[in-house]
Amino acid sequence: MTDTPLPVPAGDIAVADTWDAGDMGCGALVSRLRRRLRAMPGQVLYMVTRDAGAPEDIPAWCRMTRNELLRYDAQAHGFWIRSRLDW
């Protein structure tokens, strides 16, 4: 896990922050993700995670929490998520 800048391949999406969550498991991952998104209402986070369950878990979590999953890149393990405004 690192907070160093990541290459953000989707040039058409304005990204406010990037996060490499590494191999962090679902429980810790969504807890940290929630904290990060809550600090940036209306902005986009680009997150990379190599957790095997993330391709199914993150879209479901976004739907349940009303955060918008803008894009998922399976090859890069990257998610572009817009934080909801009404935290």
N, C-alpha and C. Protein backbone atom coordinates (compact mmCIF):
# COMPACT_ATOMS: atom_id res chain seq x y z
N MET A 1 0.85 -1.17 0.00
CA MET A 1 0.00 0.00 0.00
C MET A 1 0.89 1.23 0.00
N THR A 2 0.55 2.19 -0.87
CA THR A 2 1.36 3.40 -0.97
C THR A 2 0.50 4.58 -1.36
N ASP A 3 0.96 5.77 -1.03
CA ASP A 3 0.28 6.99 -1.43
C ASP A 3 1.07 7.72 -2.50
N THR A 4 2.03 7.05 -3.14
CA THR A 4 2.80 7.69 -4.19
C THR A 4 1.94 7.83 -5.44
N PRO A 5 2.24 8.83 -6.28
CA PRO A 5 1.43 9.05 -7.48
C PRO A 5 1.42 7.82 -8.37
N LEU A 6 0.26 7.53 -8.92
CA LEU A 6 0.09 6.41 -9.83
C LEU A 6 -0.19 6.95 -11.22
N PRO A 7 0.17 6.20 -12.26
CA PRO A 7 -0.25 6.61 -13.59
C PRO A 7 -1.76 6.44 -13.69
N VAL A 8 -2.44 7.45 -14.17
CA VAL A 8 -3.90 7.40 -14.27
C VAL A 8 -4.25 7.36 -15.75
N PRO A 9 -4.52 6.17 -16.31
CA PRO A 9 -4.67 6.01 -17.74
C PRO A 9 -5.91 6.65 -18.37
N ALA A 10 -6.96 6.92 -17.63
CA ALA A 10 -8.18 7.48 -18.23
C ALA A 10 -8.10 9.00 -18.24
N GLY A 11 -7.53 9.54 -19.30
CA GLY A 11 -7.31 10.98 -19.40
C GLY A 11 -8.57 11.80 -19.46
N ASP A 12 -9.70 11.18 -19.76
CA ASP A 12 -10.95 11.92 -19.86
C ASP A 12 -11.65 12.10 -18.51
N ILE A 13 -11.09 11.55 -17.45
CA ILE A 13 -11.66 11.70 -16.11
C ILE A 13 -10.70 12.52 -15.25
N ALA A 14 -11.19 13.63 -14.71
CA ALA A 14 -10.36 14.46 -13.83
C ALA A 14 -10.26 13.81 -12.46
N VAL A 15 -9.07 13.41 -12.09
CA VAL A 15 -8.82 12.69 -10.84
C VAL A 15 -8.25 13.64 -9.80
N ALA A 16 -8.86 13.66 -8.62
CA ALA A 16 -8.39 14.53 -7.53
C ALA A 16 -7.34 13.85 -6.66
N ASP A 17 -7.40 12.50 -6.56
CA ASP A 17 -6.46 11.78 -5.70
C ASP A 17 -6.28 10.38 -6.24
N THR A 18 -5.13 9.78 -5.94
CA THR A 18 -4.85 8.40 -6.32
C THR A 18 -4.46 7.61 -5.08
N TRP A 19 -4.74 6.30 -5.12
CA TRP A 19 -4.43 5.44 -3.98
C TRP A 19 -4.14 4.04 -4.46
N ASP A 20 -2.99 3.51 -4.09
CA ASP A 20 -2.64 2.12 -4.35
C ASP A 20 -2.91 1.34 -3.07
N ALA A 21 -4.00 0.60 -3.05
CA ALA A 21 -4.41 -0.15 -1.86
C ALA A 21 -3.72 -1.51 -1.77
N GLY A 22 -2.90 -1.84 -2.74
CA GLY A 22 -2.14 -3.09 -2.70
C GLY A 22 -3.04 -4.31 -2.62
N ASP A 23 -2.69 -5.24 -1.75
CA ASP A 23 -3.44 -6.49 -1.58
C ASP A 23 -4.39 -6.44 -0.38
N MET A 24 -4.69 -5.25 0.09
CA MET A 24 -5.56 -5.09 1.26
C MET A 24 -6.88 -5.82 1.03
N GLY A 25 -7.33 -6.57 2.03
CA GLY A 25 -8.57 -7.33 1.93
C GLY A 25 -9.81 -6.45 2.03
N CYS A 26 -10.93 -7.02 1.72
CA CYS A 26 -12.19 -6.28 1.59
C CYS A 26 -12.56 -5.43 2.80
N GLY A 27 -12.51 -5.98 4.00
CA GLY A 27 -12.92 -5.23 5.19
C GLY A 27 -12.12 -3.97 5.39
N ALA A 28 -10.81 -4.11 5.40
CA ALA A 28 -9.94 -2.94 5.57
C ALA A 28 -10.01 -2.03 4.36
N LEU A 29 -10.13 -2.62 3.19
CA LEU A 29 -10.18 -1.85 1.95
C LEU A 29 -11.37 -0.90 1.93
N VAL A 30 -12.57 -1.40 2.19
CA VAL A 30 -13.75 -0.53 2.13
C VAL A 30 -13.77 0.47 3.28
N SER A 31 -13.20 0.11 4.41
CA SER A 31 -13.13 1.05 5.53
C SER A 31 -12.24 2.24 5.17
N ARG A 32 -11.07 1.96 4.61
CA ARG A 32 -10.16 3.03 4.19
C ARG A 32 -10.73 3.80 3.00
N LEU A 33 -11.36 3.08 2.08
CA LEU A 33 -11.95 3.73 0.91
C LEU A 33 -13.02 4.72 1.35
N ARG A 34 -13.87 4.32 2.27
CA ARG A 34 -14.92 5.20 2.78
C ARG A 34 -14.31 6.46 3.39
N ARG A 35 -13.28 6.29 4.18
CA ARG A 35 -12.63 7.43 4.83
C ARG A 35 -12.05 8.40 3.78
N ARG A 36 -11.41 7.85 2.77
CA ARG A 36 -10.83 8.69 1.72
C ARG A 36 -11.91 9.44 0.94
N LEU A 37 -12.96 8.73 0.53
CA LEU A 37 -14.01 9.37 -0.26
C LEU A 37 -14.77 10.41 0.56
N ARG A 38 -14.97 10.14 1.81
CA ARG A 38 -15.68 11.09 2.67
C ARG A 38 -14.93 12.42 2.76
N ALA A 39 -13.62 12.39 2.64
CA ALA A 39 -12.79 13.60 2.72
C ALA A 39 -12.76 14.38 1.41
N MET A 40 -13.39 13.85 0.36
CA MET A 40 -13.32 14.51 -0.94
C MET A 40 -14.67 14.47 -1.68
N PRO A 41 -15.74 15.02 -1.08
CA PRO A 41 -17.06 14.95 -1.70
C PRO A 41 -17.09 15.53 -3.11
N GLY A 42 -17.71 14.78 -4.02
CA GLY A 42 -17.88 15.22 -5.40
C GLY A 42 -16.66 15.04 -6.27
N GLN A 43 -15.55 14.62 -5.70
CA GLN A 43 -14.32 14.46 -6.46
C GLN A 43 -14.08 13.00 -6.81
N VAL A 44 -13.11 12.77 -7.70
CA VAL A 44 -12.83 11.42 -8.19
C VAL A 44 -11.53 10.89 -7.58
N LEU A 45 -11.61 9.66 -7.10
CA LEU A 45 -10.45 8.92 -6.60
C LEU A 45 -10.13 7.83 -7.61
N TYR A 46 -8.85 7.72 -7.97
CA TYR A 46 -8.39 6.58 -8.76
C TYR A 46 -7.71 5.62 -7.80
N MET A 47 -8.25 4.42 -7.68
CA MET A 47 -7.75 3.43 -6.74
C MET A 47 -7.29 2.18 -7.49
N VAL A 48 -6.13 1.68 -7.11
CA VAL A 48 -5.64 0.40 -7.63
C VAL A 48 -5.64 -0.58 -6.47
N THR A 49 -6.21 -1.77 -6.70
CA THR A 49 -6.20 -2.82 -5.69
C THR A 49 -6.04 -4.17 -6.38
N ARG A 50 -5.24 -5.01 -5.78
CA ARG A 50 -5.04 -6.34 -6.32
C ARG A 50 -5.81 -7.40 -5.52
N ASP A 51 -6.76 -6.98 -4.71
CA ASP A 51 -7.62 -7.90 -3.98
C ASP A 51 -8.47 -8.66 -4.99
N ALA A 52 -8.45 -9.98 -4.93
CA ALA A 52 -9.15 -10.81 -5.91
C ALA A 52 -10.66 -10.56 -5.94
N GLY A 53 -11.24 -10.18 -4.82
CA GLY A 53 -12.68 -9.95 -4.76
C GLY A 53 -13.12 -8.56 -5.17
N ALA A 54 -12.18 -7.65 -5.35
CA ALA A 54 -12.51 -6.25 -5.64
C ALA A 54 -13.37 -6.04 -6.88
N PRO A 55 -13.14 -6.75 -7.99
CA PRO A 55 -13.98 -6.52 -9.17
C PRO A 55 -15.47 -6.72 -8.93
N GLU A 56 -15.83 -7.55 -7.96
CA GLU A 56 -17.24 -7.73 -7.60
C GLU A 56 -17.62 -6.87 -6.40
N ASP A 57 -16.73 -6.78 -5.42
CA ASP A 57 -17.04 -6.08 -4.17
C ASP A 57 -17.14 -4.56 -4.33
N ILE A 58 -16.22 -3.95 -5.07
CA ILE A 58 -16.21 -2.49 -5.17
C ILE A 58 -17.44 -1.95 -5.90
N PRO A 59 -17.86 -2.51 -7.04
CA PRO A 59 -19.10 -2.02 -7.66
C PRO A 59 -20.32 -2.16 -6.74
N ALA A 60 -20.41 -3.28 -6.03
CA ALA A 60 -21.54 -3.47 -5.10
C ALA A 60 -21.48 -2.46 -3.97
N TRP A 61 -20.29 -2.23 -3.42
CA TRP A 61 -20.12 -1.25 -2.34
C TRP A 61 -20.50 0.14 -2.82
N CYS A 62 -20.08 0.49 -4.03
CA CYS A 62 -20.43 1.81 -4.59
C CYS A 62 -21.94 1.98 -4.70
N ARG A 63 -22.63 0.96 -5.19
CA ARG A 63 -24.10 1.03 -5.29
C ARG A 63 -24.74 1.20 -3.92
N MET A 64 -24.29 0.44 -2.94
CA MET A 64 -24.88 0.49 -1.60
C MET A 64 -24.61 1.81 -0.89
N THR A 65 -23.48 2.44 -1.18
CA THR A 65 -23.10 3.68 -0.48
C THR A 65 -23.38 4.93 -1.31
N ARG A 66 -23.93 4.76 -2.49
CA ARG A 66 -24.27 5.88 -3.39
C ARG A 66 -23.05 6.67 -3.86
N ASN A 67 -21.91 5.99 -3.98
CA ASN A 67 -20.74 6.57 -4.63
C ASN A 67 -20.74 6.04 -6.06
N GLU A 68 -20.29 6.86 -7.00
CA GLU A 68 -20.41 6.50 -8.41
C GLU A 68 -19.13 5.85 -8.94
N LEU A 69 -19.25 4.60 -9.37
CA LEU A 69 -18.14 3.93 -10.04
C LEU A 69 -18.15 4.39 -11.49
N LEU A 70 -17.17 5.18 -11.87
CA LEU A 70 -17.12 5.73 -13.22
C LEU A 70 -16.54 4.75 -14.22
N ARG A 71 -15.53 4.00 -13.78
CA ARG A 71 -14.85 3.10 -14.70
C ARG A 71 -14.05 2.08 -13.90
N TYR A 72 -13.89 0.90 -14.51
CA TYR A 72 -13.03 -0.14 -13.94
C TYR A 72 -12.13 -0.65 -15.06
N ASP A 73 -10.85 -0.73 -14.82
CA ASP A 73 -9.88 -1.26 -15.78
C ASP A 73 -9.31 -2.55 -15.19
N ALA A 74 -9.77 -3.69 -15.70
CA ALA A 74 -9.36 -4.99 -15.16
C ALA A 74 -7.87 -5.24 -15.34
N GLN A 75 -7.30 -4.78 -16.44
CA GLN A 75 -5.89 -5.02 -16.70
C GLN A 75 -5.00 -4.26 -15.71
N ALA A 76 -5.39 -3.02 -15.38
CA ALA A 76 -4.60 -2.19 -14.45
C ALA A 76 -5.06 -2.36 -13.00
N HIS A 77 -6.16 -3.10 -12.78
CA HIS A 77 -6.76 -3.25 -11.45
C HIS A 77 -7.18 -1.89 -10.89
N GLY A 78 -7.61 -0.99 -11.78
CA GLY A 78 -7.92 0.38 -11.38
C GLY A 78 -9.41 0.69 -11.37
N PHE A 79 -9.82 1.47 -10.39
CA PHE A 79 -11.20 1.92 -10.23
C PHE A 79 -11.22 3.44 -10.16
N TRP A 80 -12.10 4.07 -10.91
CA TRP A 80 -12.33 5.51 -10.82
C TRP A 80 -13.67 5.68 -10.11
N ILE A 81 -13.65 6.29 -8.95
CA ILE A 81 -14.85 6.40 -8.12
C ILE A 81 -15.09 7.87 -7.77
N ARG A 82 -16.30 8.36 -8.08
CA ARG A 82 -16.68 9.71 -7.69
C ARG A 82 -17.37 9.65 -6.33
N SER A 83 -16.85 10.40 -5.40
CA SER A 83 -17.41 10.46 -4.06
C SER A 83 -18.74 11.20 -4.07
N ARG A 84 -19.68 10.69 -3.34
CA ARG A 84 -20.98 11.37 -3.26
C ARG A 84 -20.83 12.71 -2.54
N LEU A 85 -21.76 13.60 -2.76
CA LEU A 85 -21.70 14.94 -2.18
C LEU A 85 -22.22 15.01 -0.75
N ASP A 86 -23.17 14.16 -0.42
CA ASP A 86 -23.92 14.30 0.85
C ASP A 86 -23.45 13.35 1.95
N TRP A 87 -22.20 13.44 2.32
CA TRP A 87 -21.70 12.63 3.43
C TRP A 87 -22.25 13.20 4.70
